[in-house]
PDB file of all heavy atoms in Angstrom:
ATOM      1  N   ARG A   1     124.946  96.464-107.352  1.00  0.00           N
ATOM      2  CA  ARG A   1     123.695  97.103-107.187  1.00  0.00           C
ATOM      3  C   ARG A   1     123.453  97.337-105.743  1.00  0.00           C
ATOM      4  O   ARG A   1     123.567  96.457-104.978  1.00  0.00           O
ATOM      5  CB  ARG A   1     122.684  96.166-107.835  1.00  0.00           C
ATOM      6  CG  ARG A   1     122.923  95.803-109.342  1.00  0.00           C
ATOM      7  CD  ARG A   1     121.738  95.129-109.861  1.00  0.00           C
ATOM      8  NE  ARG A   1     121.979  94.510-111.309  1.00  0.00           N
ATOM      9  CZ  ARG A   1     122.039  95.266-112.307  1.00  0.00           C
ATOM     10  NH1 ARG A   1     121.896  96.539-112.322  1.00  0.00           N
ATOM     11  NH2 ARG A   1     122.288  94.599-113.457  1.00  0.00           N
ATOM     12  N   GLY A   2     123.099  98.472-105.539  1.00  0.00           N
ATOM     13  CA  GLY A   2     122.760  98.882-104.085  1.00  0.00           C
ATOM     14  C   GLY A   2     123.845  98.908-103.245  1.00  0.00           C
ATOM     15  O   GLY A   2     124.941  99.400-103.587  1.00  0.00           O
ATOM     16  N   ASN A   3     123.695  98.347-102.085  1.00  0.00           N
ATOM     17  CA  ASN A   3     124.717  98.333-101.031  1.00  0.00           C
ATOM     18  C   ASN A   3     125.956  97.512-101.403  1.00  0.00           C
ATOM     19  O   ASN A   3     125.807  96.463-102.029  1.00  0.00           O
ATOM     20  CB  ASN A   3     124.184  97.950 -99.705  1.00  0.00           C
ATOM     21  CG  ASN A   3     123.276  98.995 -99.036  1.00  0.00           C
ATOM     22  OD1 ASN A   3     123.303 100.204 -99.370  1.00  0.00           O
ATOM     23  ND2 ASN A   3     122.397  98.606 -98.150  1.00  0.00           N
ATOM     24  N   ILE A   4     127.115  97.811-100.828  1.00  0.00           N
ATOM     25  CA  ILE A   4     128.308  97.140-101.051  1.00  0.00           C
ATOM     26  C   ILE A   4     128.471  96.241 -99.877  1.00  0.00           C
ATOM     27  O   ILE A   4     128.413  96.657 -98.855  1.00  0.00           O
ATOM     28  CB  ILE A   4     129.478  98.222-101.046  1.00  0.00           C
ATOM     29  CG1 ILE A   4     129.218  99.187-102.133  1.00  0.00           C
ATOM     30  CG2 ILE A   4     130.785  97.513-101.405  1.00  0.00           C
ATOM     31  CD1 ILE A   4     130.058 100.403-102.125  1.00  0.00           C
ATOM     32  N   THR A   5     128.737  94.926-100.227  1.00  0.00           N
ATOM     33  CA  THR A   5     128.755  93.870 -99.183  1.00  0.00           C
ATOM     34  C   THR A   5     130.088  94.034 -98.403  1.00  0.00           C
ATOM     35  O   THR A   5     131.061  94.582 -99.006  1.00  0.00           O
ATOM     36  CB  THR A   5     128.678  92.483 -99.875  1.00  0.00           C
ATOM     37  OG1 THR A   5     129.733  92.212-100.572  1.00  0.00           O
ATOM     38  CG2 THR A   5     127.340  92.337-100.642  1.00  0.00           C
ATOM     39  N   PRO A   6     130.215  93.484 -97.302  1.00  0.00           N
ATOM     40  CA  PRO A   6     131.490  93.445 -96.640  1.00  0.00           C
ATOM     41  C   PRO A   6     132.668  92.879 -97.464  1.00  0.00           C
ATOM     42  O   PRO A   6     133.717  93.443 -97.366  1.00  0.00           O
ATOM     43  CB  PRO A   6     131.186  92.612 -95.418  1.00  0.00           C
ATOM     44  CG  PRO A   6     129.754  92.756 -95.178  1.00  0.00           C
ATOM     45  CD  PRO A   6     129.172  92.944 -96.491  1.00  0.00           C
ATOM     46  N   ALA A   7     132.367  91.759 -98.183  1.00  0.00           N
ATOM     47  CA  ALA A   7     133.468  91.188 -99.051  1.00  0.00           C
ATOM     48  C   ALA A   7     133.856  92.136-100.033  1.00  0.00           C
ATOM     49  O   ALA A   7     135.016  92.362-100.386  1.00  0.00           O
ATOM     50  CB  ALA A   7     133.017  89.836 -99.532  1.00  0.00           C
ATOM     51  N   GLU A   8     132.913  92.758-100.705  1.00  0.00           N
ATOM     52  CA  GLU A   8     133.269  93.813-101.765  1.00  0.00           C
ATOM     53  C   GLU A   8     133.922  94.938-101.218  1.00  0.00           C
ATOM     54  O   GLU A   8     134.908  95.466-101.877  1.00  0.00           O
ATOM     55  CB  GLU A   8     131.957  94.193-102.419  1.00  0.00           C
ATOM     56  CG  GLU A   8     131.320  93.060-103.297  1.00  0.00           C
ATOM     57  CD  GLU A   8     129.821  93.519-103.726  1.00  0.00           C
ATOM     58  OE1 GLU A   8     129.178  94.405-102.995  1.00  0.00           O
ATOM     59  OE2 GLU A   8     129.555  92.996-104.760  1.00  0.00           O
ATOM     60  N   ARG A   9     133.698  95.480 -99.944  1.00  0.00           N
ATOM     61  CA  ARG A   9     134.407  96.554 -99.329  1.00  0.00           C
ATOM     62  C   ARG A   9     135.714  96.106 -99.187  1.00  0.00           C
ATOM     63  O   ARG A   9     136.683  96.987 -99.327  1.00  0.00           O
ATOM     64  CB  ARG A   9     133.673  96.924 -98.032  1.00  0.00           C
ATOM     65  CG  ARG A   9     132.357  97.626 -98.161  1.00  0.00           C
ATOM     66  CD  ARG A   9     131.863  98.337 -96.920  1.00  0.00           C
ATOM     67  NE  ARG A   9     131.520  97.461 -95.849  1.00  0.00           N
ATOM     68  CZ  ARG A   9     130.355  96.916 -95.556  1.00  0.00           C
ATOM     69  NH1 ARG A   9     129.293  97.218 -96.376  1.00  0.00           N
ATOM     70  NH2 ARG A   9     130.153  96.166 -94.458  1.00  0.00           N
ATOM     71  N   GLU A  10     136.079  94.955 -98.771  1.00  0.00           N
ATOM     72  CA  GLU A  10     137.451  94.533 -98.548  1.00  0.00           C
ATOM     73  C   GLU A  10     138.164  94.582 -99.716  1.00  0.00           C
ATOM     74  O   GLU A  10     139.394  95.017 -99.838  1.00  0.00           O
ATOM     75  CB  GLU A  10     137.443  93.100 -97.778  1.00  0.00           C
ATOM     76  CG  GLU A  10     137.085  93.088 -96.456  1.00  0.00           C
ATOM     77  CD  GLU A  10     137.768  94.088 -95.547  1.00  0.00           C
ATOM     78  OE1 GLU A  10     139.092  94.107 -95.628  1.00  0.00           O
ATOM     79  OE2 GLU A  10     137.163  94.923 -94.817  1.00  0.00           O
ATOM     80  N   THR A  11     137.541  94.096-100.844  1.00  0.00           N
ATOM     81  CA  THR A  11     138.195  93.959-102.155  1.00  0.00           C
ATOM     82  C   THR A  11     138.511  95.488-102.563  1.00  0.00           C
ATOM     83  O   THR A  11     139.528  95.757-103.120  1.00  0.00           O
ATOM     84  CB  THR A  11     137.300  93.393-103.198  1.00  0.00           C
ATOM     85  OG1 THR A  11     137.169  92.034-102.877  1.00  0.00           O
ATOM     86  CG2 THR A  11     137.956  93.393-104.630  1.00  0.00           C
ATOM     87  N   LEU A  12     137.514  96.346-102.522  1.00  0.00           N
ATOM     88  CA  LEU A  12     137.745  97.771-102.852  1.00  0.00           C
ATOM     89  C   LEU A  12     138.907  98.479-102.027  1.00  0.00           C
ATOM     90  O   LEU A  12     139.640  99.240-102.589  1.00  0.00           O
ATOM     91  CB  LEU A  12     136.412  98.490-102.735  1.00  0.00           C
ATOM     92  CG  LEU A  12     135.308  98.284-103.821  1.00  0.00           C
ATOM     93  CD1 LEU A  12     134.051  98.792-103.541  1.00  0.00           C
ATOM     94  CD2 LEU A  12     135.840  98.721-105.161  1.00  0.00           C
ATOM     95  N   LYS A  13     138.920  98.205-100.675  1.00  0.00           N
ATOM     96  CA  LYS A  13     139.880  98.835 -99.921  1.00  0.00           C
ATOM     97  C   LYS A  13     141.349  98.489-100.305  1.00  0.00           C
ATOM     98  O   LYS A  13     142.184  99.253-100.081  1.00  0.00           O
ATOM     99  CB  LYS A  13     139.643  98.405 -98.382  1.00  0.00           C
ATOM    100  CG  LYS A  13     138.404  99.093 -97.690  1.00  0.00           C
ATOM    101  CD  LYS A  13     138.392  98.489 -96.348  1.00  0.00           C
ATOM    102  CE  LYS A  13     137.270  99.170 -95.626  1.00  0.00           C
ATOM    103  NZ  LYS A  13     137.049  98.741 -94.316  1.00  0.00           N
ATOM    104  N   LYS A  14     141.511  97.394-101.033  1.00  0.00           N
ATOM    105  CA  LYS A  14     142.866  96.984-101.540  1.00  0.00           C
ATOM    106  C   LYS A  14     143.298  97.874-102.671  1.00  0.00           C
ATOM    107  O   LYS A  14     144.448  97.852-102.917  1.00  0.00           O
ATOM    108  CB  LYS A  14     142.736  95.576-101.838  1.00  0.00           C
ATOM    109  CG  LYS A  14     142.625  94.653-100.685  1.00  0.00           C
ATOM    110  CD  LYS A  14     142.599  93.133-101.047  1.00  0.00           C
ATOM    111  CE  LYS A  14     142.294  92.334 -99.890  1.00  0.00           C
ATOM    112  NZ  LYS A  14     142.093  90.882-100.296  1.00  0.00           N
ATOM    113  N   ASN A  15     142.383  98.542-103.280  1.00  0.00           N
ATOM    114  CA  ASN A  15     142.797  99.438-104.495  1.00  0.00           C
ATOM    115  C   ASN A  15     143.453 100.730-104.015  1.00  0.00           C
ATOM    116  O   ASN A  15     142.958 101.394-103.153  1.00  0.00           O
ATOM    117  CB  ASN A  15     141.566  99.772-105.276  1.00  0.00           C
ATOM    118  CG  ASN A  15     141.933 100.391-106.550  1.00  0.00           C
ATOM    119  OD1 ASN A  15     142.353 101.539-106.637  1.00  0.00           O
ATOM    120  ND2 ASN A  15     141.671  99.801-107.760  1.00  0.00           N
ATOM    121  N   GLN A  16     144.564 101.003-104.594  1.00  0.00           N
ATOM    122  CA  GLN A  16     145.334 102.190-104.142  1.00  0.00           C
ATOM    123  C   GLN A  16     144.700 103.509-104.304  1.00  0.00           C
ATOM    124  O   GLN A  16     144.872 104.525-103.697  1.00  0.00           O
ATOM    125  CB  GLN A  16     146.727 102.334-104.983  1.00  0.00           C
ATOM    126  CG  GLN A  16     146.446 102.570-106.458  1.00  0.00           C
ATOM    127  CD  GLN A  16     147.690 102.618-107.196  1.00  0.00           C
ATOM    128  OE1 GLN A  16     148.669 102.926-106.665  1.00  0.00           O
ATOM    129  NE2 GLN A  16     147.619 102.378-108.535  1.00  0.00           N
ATOM    130  N   TYR A  17     143.581 103.563-105.116  1.00  0.00           N
ATOM    131  CA  TYR A  17     142.740 104.797-105.354  1.00  0.00           C
ATOM    132  C   TYR A  17     141.527 104.926-104.492  1.00  0.00           C
ATOM    133  O   TYR A  17     140.826 105.867-104.692  1.00  0.00           O
ATOM    134  CB  TYR A  17     142.367 104.848-106.826  1.00  0.00           C
ATOM    135  CG  TYR A  17     143.455 104.846-107.747  1.00  0.00           C
ATOM    136  CD1 TYR A  17     143.607 103.966-108.745  1.00  0.00           C
ATOM    137  CD2 TYR A  17     144.527 105.884-107.719  1.00  0.00           C
ATOM    138  CE1 TYR A  17     144.842 103.913-109.657  1.00  0.00           C
ATOM    139  CE2 TYR A  17     145.525 105.959-108.735  1.00  0.00           C
ATOM    140  CZ  TYR A  17     145.702 105.015-109.663  1.00  0.00           C
ATOM    141  OH  TYR A  17     146.687 105.023-110.444  1.00  0.00           O
ATOM    142  N   VAL A  18     141.342 104.017-103.542  1.00  0.00           N
ATOM    143  CA  VAL A  18     140.281 104.096-102.645  1.00  0.00           C
ATOM    144  C   VAL A  18     140.635 104.711-101.302  1.00  0.00           C
ATOM    145  O   VAL A  18     141.620 104.053-100.703  1.00  0.00           O
ATOM    146  CB  VAL A  18     139.532 102.676-102.510  1.00  0.00           C
ATOM    147  CG1 VAL A  18     138.490 102.754-101.420  1.00  0.00           C
ATOM    148  CG2 VAL A  18     138.881 102.253-103.832  1.00  0.00           C
ATOM    149  N   VAL A  19     140.063 105.744-100.920  1.00  0.00           N
ATOM    150  CA  VAL A  19     140.414 106.376 -99.566  1.00  0.00           C
ATOM    151  C   VAL A  19     139.470 105.720 -98.439  1.00  0.00           C
ATOM    152  O   VAL A  19     139.976 105.441 -97.403  1.00  0.00           O
ATOM    153  CB  VAL A  19     140.086 107.902 -99.579  1.00  0.00           C
ATOM    154  CG1 VAL A  19     140.297 108.465 -98.275  1.00  0.00           C
ATOM    155  CG2 VAL A  19     141.027 108.540-100.701  1.00  0.00           C
ATOM    156  N   ASP A  20     138.272 105.407 -98.856  1.00  0.00           N
ATOM    157  CA  ASP A  20     137.306 104.836 -97.919  1.00  0.00           C
ATOM    158  C   ASP A  20     136.279 104.255 -98.538  1.00  0.00           C
ATOM    159  O   ASP A  20     135.849 104.600 -99.797  1.00  0.00           O
ATOM    160  CB  ASP A  20     136.805 105.971 -96.865  1.00  0.00           C
ATOM    161  CG  ASP A  20     136.139 105.306 -95.662  1.00  0.00           C
ATOM    162  OD1 ASP A  20     136.465 104.220 -95.325  1.00  0.00           O
ATOM    163  OD2 ASP A  20     135.266 105.947 -95.180  1.00  0.00           O
ATOM    164  N   VAL A  21     135.595 103.195 -97.935  1.00  0.00           N
ATOM    165  CA  VAL A  21     134.449 102.576 -98.534  1.00  0.00           C
ATOM    166  C   VAL A  21     133.482 102.267 -97.356  1.00  0.00           C
ATOM    167  O   VAL A  21     134.005 101.685 -96.488  1.00  0.00           O
ATOM    168  CB  VAL A  21     134.813 101.389 -99.404  1.00  0.00           C
ATOM    169  CG1 VAL A  21     135.529 100.355 -98.752  1.00  0.00           C
ATOM    170  CG2 VAL A  21     133.556 100.881-100.149  1.00  0.00           C
ATOM    171  N   THR A  22     132.212 102.447 -97.585  1.00  0.00           N
ATOM    172  CA  THR A  22     131.146 102.043 -96.525  1.00  0.00           C
ATOM    173  C   THR A  22     130.222 101.251 -97.325  1.00  0.00           C
ATOM    174  O   THR A  22     130.405 100.816 -98.534  1.00  0.00           O
ATOM    175  CB  THR A  22     130.533 103.341 -96.024  1.00  0.00           C
ATOM    176  OG1 THR A  22     129.755 103.937 -97.048  1.00  0.00           O
ATOM    177  CG2 THR A  22     131.466 104.245 -95.310  1.00  0.00           C
ATOM    178  N   GLY A  23     129.032 100.855 -96.786  1.00  0.00           N
ATOM    179  CA  GLY A  23     128.129 100.057 -97.196  1.00  0.00           C
ATOM    180  C   GLY A  23     127.444 100.545 -98.504  1.00  0.00           C
ATOM    181  O   GLY A  23     126.851  99.893 -99.359  1.00  0.00           O
ATOM    182  N   ASN A  24     127.466 101.981 -98.697  1.00  0.00           N
ATOM    183  CA  ASN A  24     126.896 102.637 -99.834  1.00  0.00           C
ATOM    184  C   ASN A  24     127.757 103.857-100.362  1.00  0.00           C
ATOM    185  O   ASN A  24     127.126 104.423-101.237  1.00  0.00           O
ATOM    186  CB  ASN A  24     125.464 103.148 -99.354  1.00  0.00           C
ATOM    187  CG  ASN A  24     125.460 104.167 -98.265  1.00  0.00           C
ATOM    188  OD1 ASN A  24     126.670 104.573 -97.836  1.00  0.00           O
ATOM    189  ND2 ASN A  24     124.441 104.565 -97.858  1.00  0.00           N
ATOM    190  N   ARG A  25     128.939 103.959-100.085  1.00  0.00           N
ATOM    191  CA  ARG A  25     129.736 105.040-100.535  1.00  0.00           C
ATOM    192  C   ARG A  25     131.175 104.634-100.753  1.00  0.00           C
ATOM    193  O   ARG A  25     131.757 103.868 -99.962  1.00  0.00           O
ATOM    194  CB  ARG A  25     129.674 106.294 -99.519  1.00  0.00           C
ATOM    195  CG  ARG A  25     130.378 107.410 -99.987  1.00  0.00           C
ATOM    196  CD  ARG A  25     130.237 108.505 -98.917  1.00  0.00           C
ATOM    197  NE  ARG A  25     130.776 109.670 -99.530  1.00  0.00           N
ATOM    198  CZ  ARG A  25     131.006 110.745 -98.814  1.00  0.00           C
ATOM    199  NH1 ARG A  25     130.696 110.836 -97.568  1.00  0.00           N
ATOM    200  NH2 ARG A  25     131.595 111.888 -99.337  1.00  0.00           N
ATOM    201  N   ILE A  26     131.711 105.056-101.936  1.00  0.00           N
ATOM    202  CA  ILE A  26     133.148 104.908-102.124  1.00  0.00           C
ATOM    203  C   ILE A  26     133.865 106.337-102.188  1.00  0.00           C
ATOM    204  O   ILE A  26     133.286 107.122-102.948  1.00  0.00           O
ATOM    205  CB  ILE A  26     133.375 104.102-103.382  1.00  0.00           C
ATOM    206  CG1 ILE A  26     132.685 102.772-103.288  1.00  0.00           C
ATOM    207  CG2 ILE A  26     134.900 103.902-103.663  1.00  0.00           C
ATOM    208  CD1 ILE A  26     132.596 102.147-104.694  1.00  0.00           C
ATOM    209  N   VAL A  27     134.836 106.560-101.519  1.00  0.00           N
ATOM    210  CA  VAL A  27     135.617 107.802-101.640  1.00  0.00           C
ATOM    211  C   VAL A  27     136.983 107.452-102.357  1.00  0.00           C
ATOM    212  O   VAL A  27     137.723 106.672-101.905  1.00  0.00           O
ATOM    213  CB  VAL A  27     135.923 108.288-100.156  1.00  0.00           C
ATOM    214  CG1 VAL A  27     136.803 109.604-100.277  1.00  0.00           C
ATOM    215  CG2 VAL A  27     134.703 108.508 -99.435  1.00  0.00           C
ATOM    216  N   TYR A  28     137.064 108.093-103.502  1.00  0.00           N
ATOM    217  CA  TYR A  28     138.138 107.846-104.483  1.00  0.00           C
ATOM    218  C   TYR A  28     139.198 108.962-104.115  1.00  0.00           C
ATOM    219  O   TYR A  28     138.902 110.047-103.667  1.00  0.00           O
ATOM    220  CB  TYR A  28     137.692 107.942-105.893  1.00  0.00           C
ATOM    221  CG  TYR A  28     136.616 107.060-106.265  1.00  0.00           C
ATOM    222  CD1 TYR A  28     135.316 107.397-106.296  1.00  0.00           C
ATOM    223  CD2 TYR A  28     136.996 105.702-106.674  1.00  0.00           C
ATOM    224  CE1 TYR A  28     134.363 106.294-106.620  1.00  0.00           C
ATOM    225  CE2 TYR A  28     136.034 104.785-107.062  1.00  0.00           C
ATOM    226  CZ  TYR A  28     134.696 105.007-107.039  1.00  0.00           C
ATOM    227  OH  TYR A  28     133.674 104.243-107.296  1.00  0.00           O
ATOM    228  N   SER A  29     140.426 108.663-104.259  1.00  0.00           N
ATOM    229  CA  SER A  29     141.486 109.589-104.082  1.00  0.00           C
ATOM    230  C   SER A  29     141.477 110.650-105.190  1.00  0.00           C
ATOM    231  O   SER A  29     141.044 110.499-106.236  1.00  0.00           O
ATOM    232  CB  SER A  29     142.969 108.872-104.032  1.00  0.00           C
ATOM    233  OG  SER A  29     143.228 108.478-105.446  1.00  0.00           O
ATOM    234  N   ASN A  30     141.994 111.829-104.818  1.00  0.00           N
ATOM    235  CA  ASN A  30     142.049 112.927-105.709  1.00  0.00           C
ATOM    236  C   ASN A  30     143.012 112.504-106.937  1.00  0.00           C
ATOM    237  O   ASN A  30     142.791 112.884-108.064  1.00  0.00           O
ATOM    238  CB  ASN A  30     142.703 114.184-105.048  1.00  0.00           C
ATOM    239  CG  ASN A  30     141.610 114.863-104.292  1.00  0.00           C
ATOM    240  OD1 ASN A  30     140.391 114.575-104.414  1.00  0.00           O
ATOM    241  ND2 ASN A  30     142.117 115.529-103.236  1.00  0.00           N
ATOM    242  N   GLU A  31     144.132 111.768-106.644  1.00  0.00           N
ATOM    243  CA  GLU A  31     144.989 111.165-107.560  1.00  0.00           C
ATOM    244  C   GLU A  31     144.150 110.390-108.737  1.00  0.00           C
ATOM    245  O   GLU A  31     144.407 110.739-109.965  1.00  0.00           O
ATOM    246  CB  GLU A  31     145.966 110.280-107.016  1.00  0.00           C
ATOM    247  CG  GLU A  31     146.958 109.714-108.050  1.00  0.00           C
ATOM    248  CD  GLU A  31     147.837 108.601-107.433  1.00  0.00           C
ATOM    249  OE1 GLU A  31     147.889 108.311-106.158  1.00  0.00           O
ATOM    250  OE2 GLU A  31     148.643 107.995-108.172  1.00  0.00           O
ATOM    251  N   PHE A  32     143.162 109.625-108.251  1.00  0.00           N
ATOM    252  CA  PHE A  32     142.445 108.898-109.263  1.00  0.00           C
ATOM    253  C   PHE A  32     141.446 109.672-110.076  1.00  0.00           C
ATOM    254  O   PHE A  32     141.266 109.645-111.228  1.00  0.00           O
ATOM    255  CB  PHE A  32     141.536 107.758-108.598  1.00  0.00           C
ATOM    256  CG  PHE A  32     140.810 107.014-109.637  1.00  0.00           C
ATOM    257  CD1 PHE A  32     141.353 106.244-110.613  1.00  0.00           C
ATOM    258  CD2 PHE A  32     139.343 106.986-109.638  1.00  0.00           C
ATOM    259  CE1 PHE A  32     140.628 105.505-111.495  1.00  0.00           C
ATOM    260  CE2 PHE A  32     138.639 106.418-110.469  1.00  0.00           C
ATOM    261  CZ  PHE A  32     139.361 105.553-111.458  1.00  0.00           C
ATOM    262  N   LYS A  33     140.851 110.736-109.473  1.00  0.00           N
ATOM    263  CA  LYS A  33     140.090 111.708-110.112  1.00  0.00           C
ATOM    264  C   LYS A  33     140.793 112.474-111.213  1.00  0.00           C
ATOM    265  O   LYS A  33     140.210 112.546-112.284  1.00  0.00           O
ATOM    266  CB  LYS A  33     139.425 112.622-109.129  1.00  0.00           C
ATOM    267  CG  LYS A  33     138.396 112.063-108.036  1.00  0.00           C
ATOM    268  CD  LYS A  33     138.088 113.049-107.094  1.00  0.00           C
ATOM    269  CE  LYS A  33     137.256 112.469-105.987  1.00  0.00           C
ATOM    270  NZ  LYS A  33     136.850 113.461-104.952  1.00  0.00           N
ATOM    271  N   LYS A  34     141.927 112.859-110.816  1.00  0.00           N
ATOM    272  CA  LYS A  34     142.811 113.407-111.981  1.00  0.00           C
ATOM    273  C   LYS A  34     143.156 112.632-113.059  1.00  0.00           C
ATOM    274  O   LYS A  34     143.137 112.983-114.197  1.00  0.00           O
ATOM    275  CB  LYS A  34     144.120 114.107-111.305  1.00  0.00           C
ATOM    276  CG  LYS A  34     143.835 115.202-110.375  1.00  0.00           C
ATOM    277  CD  LYS A  34     145.057 115.677-109.565  1.00  0.00           C
ATOM    278  CE  LYS A  34     144.808 116.666-108.396  1.00  0.00           C
ATOM    279  NZ  LYS A  34     146.121 116.957-107.675  1.00  0.00           N
ATOM    280  N   HIS A  35     143.568 111.323-112.696  1.00  0.00           N
ATOM    281  CA  HIS A  35     143.837 110.334-113.647  1.00  0.00           C
ATOM    282  C   HIS A  35     142.646 110.002-114.508  1.00  0.00           C
ATOM    283  O   HIS A  35     142.772 109.934-115.742  1.00  0.00           O
ATOM    284  CB  HIS A  35     144.407 109.066-112.998  1.00  0.00           C
ATOM    285  CG  HIS A  35     144.493 107.902-113.839  1.00  0.00           C
ATOM    286  ND1 HIS A  35     145.518 107.747-114.683  1.00  0.00           N
ATOM    287  CD2 HIS A  35     143.687 106.688-113.901  1.00  0.00           C
ATOM    288  CE1 HIS A  35     145.330 106.685-115.424  1.00  0.00           C
ATOM    289  NE2 HIS A  35     144.207 105.989-115.010  1.00  0.00           N
ATOM    290  N   PHE A  36     141.571 109.893-113.762  1.00  0.00           N
ATOM    291  CA  PHE A  36     140.299 109.664-114.649  1.00  0.00           C
ATOM    292  C   PHE A  36     140.004 110.726-115.633  1.00  0.00           C
ATOM    293  O   PHE A  36     139.759 110.431-116.846  1.00  0.00           O
ATOM    294  CB  PHE A  36     139.029 109.532-113.666  1.00  0.00           C
ATOM    295  CG  PHE A  36     137.696 109.225-114.342  1.00  0.00           C
ATOM    296  CD1 PHE A  36     137.363 108.101-114.753  1.00  0.00           C
ATOM    297  CD2 PHE A  36     137.022 110.448-114.837  1.00  0.00           C
ATOM    298  CE1 PHE A  36     136.155 107.883-115.421  1.00  0.00           C
ATOM    299  CE2 PHE A  36     135.934 110.295-115.496  1.00  0.00           C
ATOM    300  CZ  PHE A  36     135.379 108.906-115.801  1.00  0.00           C
ATOM    301  N   MET A  37     140.123 111.991-115.266  1.00  0.00           N
ATOM    302  CA  MET A  37     139.830 113.082-116.114  1.00  0.00           C
ATOM    303  C   MET A  37     140.902 113.131-117.239  1.00  0.00           C
ATOM    304  O   MET A  37     140.425 113.390-118.449  1.00  0.00           O
ATOM    305  CB  MET A  37     139.662 114.449-115.454  1.00  0.00           C
ATOM    306  CG  MET A  37     138.417 114.630-114.712  1.00  0.00           C
ATOM    307  SD  MET A  37     136.999 114.344-115.637  1.00  0.00           S
ATOM    308  CE  MET A  37     137.115 115.403-117.108  1.00  0.00           C
ATOM    309  N   SER A  38     142.074 112.879-116.972  1.00  0.00           N
ATOM    310  CA  SER A  38     143.129 112.880-118.030  1.00  0.00           C
ATOM    311  C   SER A  38     142.830 111.830-119.120  1.00  0.00           C
ATOM    312  O   SER A  38     142.866 112.000-120.301  1.00  0.00           O
ATOM    313  CB  SER A  38     144.476 112.768-117.457  1.00  0.00           C
ATOM    314  OG  SER A  38     145.498 112.564-118.409  1.00  0.00           O
ATOM    315  N   GLU A  39     142.521 110.636-118.653  1.00  0.00           N
ATOM    316  CA  GLU A  39     142.175 109.489-119.490  1.00  0.00           C
ATOM    317  C   GLU A  39     140.962 109.766-120.243  1.00  0.00           C
ATOM    318  O   GLU A  39     140.885 109.502-121.456  1.00  0.00           O
ATOM    319  CB  GLU A  39     142.158 108.215-118.789  1.00  0.00           C
ATOM    320  CG  GLU A  39     143.444 107.756-118.115  1.00  0.00           C
ATOM    321  CD  GLU A  39     144.523 107.298-119.134  1.00  0.00           C
ATOM    322  OE1 GLU A  39     144.210 106.271-119.669  1.00  0.00           O
ATOM    323  OE2 GLU A  39     145.522 107.950-119.181  1.00  0.00           O
TER     324      GLU A  39
END
C-alpha cells in the first residue's frame, strides 16, 4: 500500500522482470509484459 519501502525495493530488484524500482514506481521488463499478456 502506498510507497515501496527500501527493503521491499531490494526484494523487487532481485526479480529478473524488474528493470527499476523507486519509492512509488516499478518498471517491468518488456519480456514480463509479453509473458503477462500471453498468460
